[in-house]
Amino acid sequence: MRTIALTYTPIVHRAIVILSGVVVLAMFFYGFFLLEAVANTAKRASAEHQVSDLTSKVSQLEEQYLRETSDLTVEQAEAMGLEIPKQVTTVFADAPSKALGYVSR
């Protein structure tokens, strides 16, 4: 009868341990990133809902503003204490500059 002797090779043992660790770490990161993707999708849906609500509120406020300003007459404005400006200052912005500033001309 022949016997085959298996020798202990520390390199193979270390390689198996390292490979197992890499697989476990990869599975952990896969689960983590999958949960993050699901959470971000839920947050995006919530943000879209909030944007829709805010757009609706802004629309209502714009409608109210237009309705109230269209009904306002000069006489009513004067009765409320508003005055027509006597001097108007124009503000210019130069094209090359992206910063706005006041220029009196």
N, C-alpha and C. Protein backbone atom coordinates (compact mmCIF):
# COMPACT_ATOMS: atom_id res chain seq x y z
N MET A 1 0.84 -1.16 0.00
CA MET A 1 0.00 0.00 0.00
C MET A 1 0.89 1.24 0.00
N ARG A 2 0.47 2.19 -0.80
CA ARG A 2 1.25 3.42 -0.90
C ARG A 2 0.59 4.52 -0.07
N THR A 3 1.36 5.30 0.57
CA THR A 3 0.86 6.43 1.34
C THR A 3 1.40 7.72 0.73
N ILE A 4 0.50 8.68 0.67
CA ILE A 4 0.91 9.98 0.16
C ILE A 4 0.98 10.91 1.36
N ALA A 5 2.09 11.48 1.54
CA ALA A 5 2.28 12.37 2.67
C ALA A 5 1.97 13.79 2.24
N LEU A 6 1.11 14.46 2.98
CA LEU A 6 0.82 15.86 2.72
C LEU A 6 1.70 16.69 3.64
N THR A 7 2.42 17.54 3.02
CA THR A 7 3.30 18.37 3.83
C THR A 7 2.59 19.68 4.15
N TYR A 8 2.91 20.18 5.30
CA TYR A 8 2.32 21.47 5.72
C TYR A 8 3.10 22.58 5.04
N THR A 9 2.37 23.40 4.28
CA THR A 9 3.01 24.53 3.60
C THR A 9 2.42 25.81 4.15
N PRO A 10 3.21 26.57 4.88
CA PRO A 10 2.68 27.79 5.48
C PRO A 10 2.27 28.83 4.45
N ILE A 11 2.85 28.80 3.28
CA ILE A 11 2.49 29.79 2.25
C ILE A 11 1.06 29.57 1.79
N VAL A 12 0.68 28.33 1.56
CA VAL A 12 -0.69 28.04 1.14
C VAL A 12 -1.67 28.40 2.25
N HIS A 13 -1.33 28.08 3.47
CA HIS A 13 -2.20 28.41 4.61
C HIS A 13 -2.39 29.93 4.72
N ARG A 14 -1.33 30.69 4.60
CA ARG A 14 -1.43 32.15 4.66
C ARG A 14 -2.22 32.71 3.50
N ALA A 15 -2.03 32.13 2.33
CA ALA A 15 -2.76 32.59 1.15
C ALA A 15 -4.26 32.36 1.33
N ILE A 16 -4.63 31.23 1.89
CA ILE A 16 -6.05 30.93 2.12
C ILE A 16 -6.63 31.89 3.15
N VAL A 17 -5.90 32.18 4.21
CA VAL A 17 -6.38 33.11 5.23
C VAL A 17 -6.53 34.51 4.64
N ILE A 18 -5.55 34.95 3.87
CA ILE A 18 -5.62 36.29 3.25
C ILE A 18 -6.77 36.36 2.26
N LEU A 19 -6.91 35.33 1.44
CA LEU A 19 -8.01 35.31 0.46
C LEU A 19 -9.37 35.31 1.16
N SER A 20 -9.49 34.56 2.24
CA SER A 20 -10.74 34.55 2.99
C SER A 20 -11.04 35.93 3.58
N GLY A 21 -10.00 36.58 4.10
CA GLY A 21 -10.18 37.92 4.63
C GLY A 21 -10.60 38.91 3.56
N VAL A 22 -10.02 38.81 2.38
CA VAL A 22 -10.38 39.69 1.28
C VAL A 22 -11.83 39.47 0.87
N VAL A 23 -12.26 38.22 0.82
CA VAL A 23 -13.64 37.90 0.44
C VAL A 23 -14.62 38.45 1.47
N VAL A 24 -14.30 38.27 2.76
CA VAL A 24 -15.18 38.79 3.83
C VAL A 24 -15.23 40.32 3.76
N LEU A 25 -14.10 40.96 3.57
CA LEU A 25 -14.06 42.42 3.47
C LEU A 25 -14.84 42.91 2.24
N ALA A 26 -14.71 42.20 1.12
CA ALA A 26 -15.46 42.59 -0.09
C ALA A 26 -16.96 42.44 0.13
N MET A 27 -17.37 41.39 0.82
CA MET A 27 -18.80 41.21 1.09
C MET A 27 -19.32 42.31 2.02
N PHE A 28 -18.50 42.71 3.01
CA PHE A 28 -18.90 43.78 3.91
C PHE A 28 -19.08 45.09 3.14
N PHE A 29 -18.10 45.43 2.30
CA PHE A 29 -18.19 46.67 1.54
C PHE A 29 -19.34 46.64 0.53
N TYR A 30 -19.60 45.48 -0.05
CA TYR A 30 -20.73 45.36 -0.97
C TYR A 30 -22.04 45.66 -0.24
N GLY A 31 -22.23 45.07 0.93
CA GLY A 31 -23.44 45.32 1.71
C GLY A 31 -23.55 46.77 2.14
N PHE A 32 -22.41 47.35 2.56
CA PHE A 32 -22.41 48.75 3.00
C PHE A 32 -22.81 49.68 1.86
N PHE A 33 -22.18 49.51 0.70
CA PHE A 33 -22.48 50.39 -0.42
C PHE A 33 -23.88 50.16 -0.98
N LEU A 34 -24.36 48.95 -0.90
CA LEU A 34 -25.74 48.68 -1.33
C LEU A 34 -26.73 49.39 -0.42
N LEU A 35 -26.51 49.34 0.88
CA LEU A 35 -27.39 50.05 1.81
C LEU A 35 -27.31 51.57 1.62
N GLU A 36 -26.11 52.08 1.35
CA GLU A 36 -25.96 53.52 1.08
C GLU A 36 -26.72 53.92 -0.17
N ALA A 37 -26.68 53.10 -1.20
CA ALA A 37 -27.40 53.40 -2.44
C ALA A 37 -28.91 53.44 -2.19
N VAL A 38 -29.41 52.50 -1.40
CA VAL A 38 -30.83 52.48 -1.09
C VAL A 38 -31.21 53.71 -0.27
N ALA A 39 -30.37 54.07 0.71
CA ALA A 39 -30.65 55.24 1.53
C ALA A 39 -30.63 56.51 0.69
N ASN A 40 -29.68 56.64 -0.23
CA ASN A 40 -29.62 57.82 -1.09
C ASN A 40 -30.82 57.90 -2.01
N THR A 41 -31.30 56.77 -2.48
CA THR A 41 -32.49 56.77 -3.33
C THR A 41 -33.71 57.25 -2.54
N ALA A 42 -33.82 56.81 -1.30
CA ALA A 42 -34.93 57.25 -0.46
C ALA A 42 -34.82 58.75 -0.17
N LYS A 43 -33.61 59.24 0.10
CA LYS A 43 -33.43 60.67 0.36
C LYS A 43 -33.75 61.49 -0.88
N ARG A 44 -33.38 60.98 -2.06
CA ARG A 44 -33.68 61.70 -3.30
C ARG A 44 -35.18 61.79 -3.52
N ALA A 45 -35.90 60.71 -3.26
CA ALA A 45 -37.35 60.74 -3.42
C ALA A 45 -37.97 61.75 -2.45
N SER A 46 -37.45 61.79 -1.23
CA SER A 46 -37.95 62.75 -0.25
C SER A 46 -37.64 64.18 -0.70
N ALA A 47 -36.44 64.41 -1.22
CA ALA A 47 -36.06 65.75 -1.68
C ALA A 47 -36.93 66.17 -2.87
N GLU A 48 -37.23 65.24 -3.77
CA GLU A 48 -38.09 65.57 -4.91
C GLU A 48 -39.48 65.99 -4.42
N HIS A 49 -39.98 65.31 -3.40
CA HIS A 49 -41.29 65.65 -2.85
C HIS A 49 -41.25 67.04 -2.23
N GLN A 50 -40.17 67.35 -1.49
CA GLN A 50 -40.04 68.67 -0.88
C GLN A 50 -39.92 69.76 -1.95
N VAL A 51 -39.18 69.49 -3.02
CA VAL A 51 -39.04 70.47 -4.09
C VAL A 51 -40.39 70.72 -4.74
N SER A 52 -41.17 69.66 -4.93
CA SER A 52 -42.50 69.82 -5.50
C SER A 52 -43.39 70.68 -4.61
N ASP A 53 -43.33 70.43 -3.30
CA ASP A 53 -44.12 71.24 -2.36
C ASP A 53 -43.68 72.70 -2.37
N LEU A 54 -42.37 72.93 -2.37
CA LEU A 54 -41.86 74.30 -2.38
C LEU A 54 -42.21 75.02 -3.67
N THR A 55 -42.15 74.32 -4.79
CA THR A 55 -42.52 74.92 -6.06
C THR A 55 -43.98 75.34 -6.05
N SER A 56 -44.81 74.50 -5.47
CA SER A 56 -46.24 74.83 -5.36
C SER A 56 -46.45 76.06 -4.48
N LYS A 57 -45.73 76.13 -3.35
CA LYS A 57 -45.88 77.28 -2.45
C LYS A 57 -45.38 78.57 -3.12
N VAL A 58 -44.25 78.48 -3.84
CA VAL A 58 -43.72 79.65 -4.54
C VAL A 58 -44.70 80.12 -5.60
N SER A 59 -45.32 79.18 -6.29
CA SER A 59 -46.33 79.53 -7.31
C SER A 59 -47.50 80.27 -6.68
N GLN A 60 -47.95 79.79 -5.55
CA GLN A 60 -49.05 80.45 -4.87
C GLN A 60 -48.66 81.86 -4.44
N LEU A 61 -47.45 82.01 -3.92
CA LEU A 61 -47.00 83.33 -3.48
C LEU A 61 -46.83 84.29 -4.67
N GLU A 62 -46.33 83.78 -5.79
CA GLU A 62 -46.20 84.61 -6.98
C GLU A 62 -47.58 85.06 -7.47
N GLU A 63 -48.52 84.13 -7.44
CA GLU A 63 -49.89 84.48 -7.86
C GLU A 63 -50.46 85.55 -6.94
N GLN A 64 -50.26 85.40 -5.64
CA GLN A 64 -50.76 86.38 -4.68
C GLN A 64 -50.08 87.74 -4.91
N TYR A 65 -48.78 87.73 -5.14
CA TYR A 65 -48.04 88.98 -5.39
C TYR A 65 -48.56 89.68 -6.63
N LEU A 66 -48.73 88.93 -7.71
CA LEU A 66 -49.23 89.54 -8.96
C LEU A 66 -50.64 90.07 -8.79
N ARG A 67 -51.47 89.33 -8.05
CA ARG A 67 -52.85 89.77 -7.84
C ARG A 67 -52.87 91.07 -7.03
N GLU A 68 -52.06 91.12 -5.97
CA GLU A 68 -52.07 92.31 -5.12
C GLU A 68 -51.41 93.50 -5.79
N THR A 69 -50.37 93.29 -6.58
CA THR A 69 -49.73 94.43 -7.25
C THR A 69 -50.55 94.93 -8.43
N SER A 70 -51.32 94.05 -9.04
CA SER A 70 -52.15 94.52 -10.16
C SER A 70 -53.34 95.33 -9.66
N ASP A 71 -53.78 95.05 -8.44
CA ASP A 71 -54.90 95.79 -7.87
C ASP A 71 -54.47 97.12 -7.24
N LEU A 72 -53.18 97.30 -7.00
CA LEU A 72 -52.68 98.49 -6.32
C LEU A 72 -52.63 99.67 -7.30
N THR A 73 -53.21 100.77 -6.88
CA THR A 73 -53.17 101.99 -7.70
C THR A 73 -52.24 103.00 -7.04
N VAL A 74 -51.89 104.05 -7.77
CA VAL A 74 -51.00 105.08 -7.25
C VAL A 74 -51.65 105.76 -6.05
N GLU A 75 -52.95 105.98 -6.12
CA GLU A 75 -53.65 106.64 -5.01
C GLU A 75 -53.60 105.78 -3.74
N GLN A 76 -53.80 104.48 -3.89
CA GLN A 76 -53.74 103.59 -2.74
C GLN A 76 -52.32 103.55 -2.16
N ALA A 77 -51.33 103.55 -3.03
CA ALA A 77 -49.94 103.53 -2.57
C ALA A 77 -49.62 104.80 -1.79
N GLU A 78 -50.10 105.95 -2.29
CA GLU A 78 -49.87 107.21 -1.58
C GLU A 78 -50.60 107.22 -0.25
N ALA A 79 -51.78 106.62 -0.20
CA ALA A 79 -52.53 106.54 1.04
C ALA A 79 -51.82 105.65 2.06
N MET A 80 -51.07 104.67 1.58
CA MET A 80 -50.31 103.78 2.47
C MET A 80 -48.99 104.41 2.91
N GLY A 81 -48.64 105.57 2.37
CA GLY A 81 -47.42 106.25 2.77
C GLY A 81 -46.26 106.05 1.82
N LEU A 82 -46.49 105.42 0.69
CA LEU A 82 -45.42 105.23 -0.28
C LEU A 82 -45.28 106.47 -1.14
N GLU A 83 -44.06 106.73 -1.58
CA GLU A 83 -43.80 107.91 -2.41
C GLU A 83 -43.14 107.49 -3.71
N ILE A 84 -43.34 108.30 -4.73
CA ILE A 84 -42.66 108.08 -6.00
C ILE A 84 -41.23 108.58 -5.83
N PRO A 85 -40.21 107.80 -6.21
CA PRO A 85 -38.83 108.22 -6.02
C PRO A 85 -38.52 109.48 -6.82
N LYS A 86 -37.79 110.39 -6.21
CA LYS A 86 -37.43 111.64 -6.87
C LYS A 86 -36.14 111.49 -7.67
N GLN A 87 -35.26 110.62 -7.21
CA GLN A 87 -33.99 110.42 -7.90
C GLN A 87 -33.77 108.91 -8.05
N VAL A 88 -33.38 108.51 -9.25
CA VAL A 88 -33.15 107.09 -9.52
C VAL A 88 -31.67 106.90 -9.82
N THR A 89 -31.05 105.94 -9.18
CA THR A 89 -29.65 105.61 -9.43
C THR A 89 -29.59 104.31 -10.21
N THR A 90 -28.85 104.34 -11.31
CA THR A 90 -28.71 103.16 -12.15
C THR A 90 -27.43 102.42 -11.77
N VAL A 91 -27.50 101.12 -11.71
CA VAL A 91 -26.36 100.29 -11.36
C VAL A 91 -25.92 99.54 -12.62
N PHE A 92 -24.63 99.61 -12.95
CA PHE A 92 -24.10 98.93 -14.12
C PHE A 92 -23.12 97.85 -13.69
N ALA A 93 -23.06 96.79 -14.46
CA ALA A 93 -22.07 95.73 -14.23
C ALA A 93 -21.27 95.57 -15.50
N ASP A 94 -19.94 95.61 -15.36
CA ASP A 94 -19.08 95.42 -16.53
C ASP A 94 -19.10 93.96 -16.94
N ALA A 95 -19.03 93.70 -18.24
CA ALA A 95 -19.10 92.34 -18.75
C ALA A 95 -17.92 91.46 -18.33
N PRO A 96 -16.66 91.94 -18.35
CA PRO A 96 -15.56 91.03 -18.00
C PRO A 96 -15.58 90.60 -16.53
N SER A 97 -16.13 91.42 -15.67
CA SER A 97 -16.12 91.10 -14.25
C SER A 97 -17.35 90.29 -13.87
N LYS A 98 -17.13 89.27 -13.05
CA LYS A 98 -18.25 88.47 -12.58
C LYS A 98 -18.79 89.00 -11.26
N ALA A 99 -18.07 89.90 -10.62
CA ALA A 99 -18.52 90.48 -9.36
C ALA A 99 -19.34 91.74 -9.67
N LEU A 100 -20.39 91.92 -8.90
CA LEU A 100 -21.22 93.09 -9.09
C LEU A 100 -20.77 94.20 -8.16
N GLY A 101 -20.84 95.41 -8.66
CA GLY A 101 -20.46 96.55 -7.83
C GLY A 101 -21.31 97.74 -8.23
N TYR A 102 -21.31 98.76 -7.40
CA TYR A 102 -22.08 99.96 -7.68
C TYR A 102 -21.21 100.97 -8.41
N VAL A 103 -21.75 101.50 -9.52
CA VAL A 103 -21.05 102.53 -10.30
C VAL A 103 -22.01 103.69 -10.43
N SER A 104 -21.64 104.84 -9.93
CA SER A 104 -22.51 106.00 -10.08
C SER A 104 -22.04 106.79 -11.29
N ARG A 105 -22.94 107.07 -12.18
CA ARG A 105 -22.59 107.80 -13.41
C ARG A 105 -23.44 109.02 -13.52
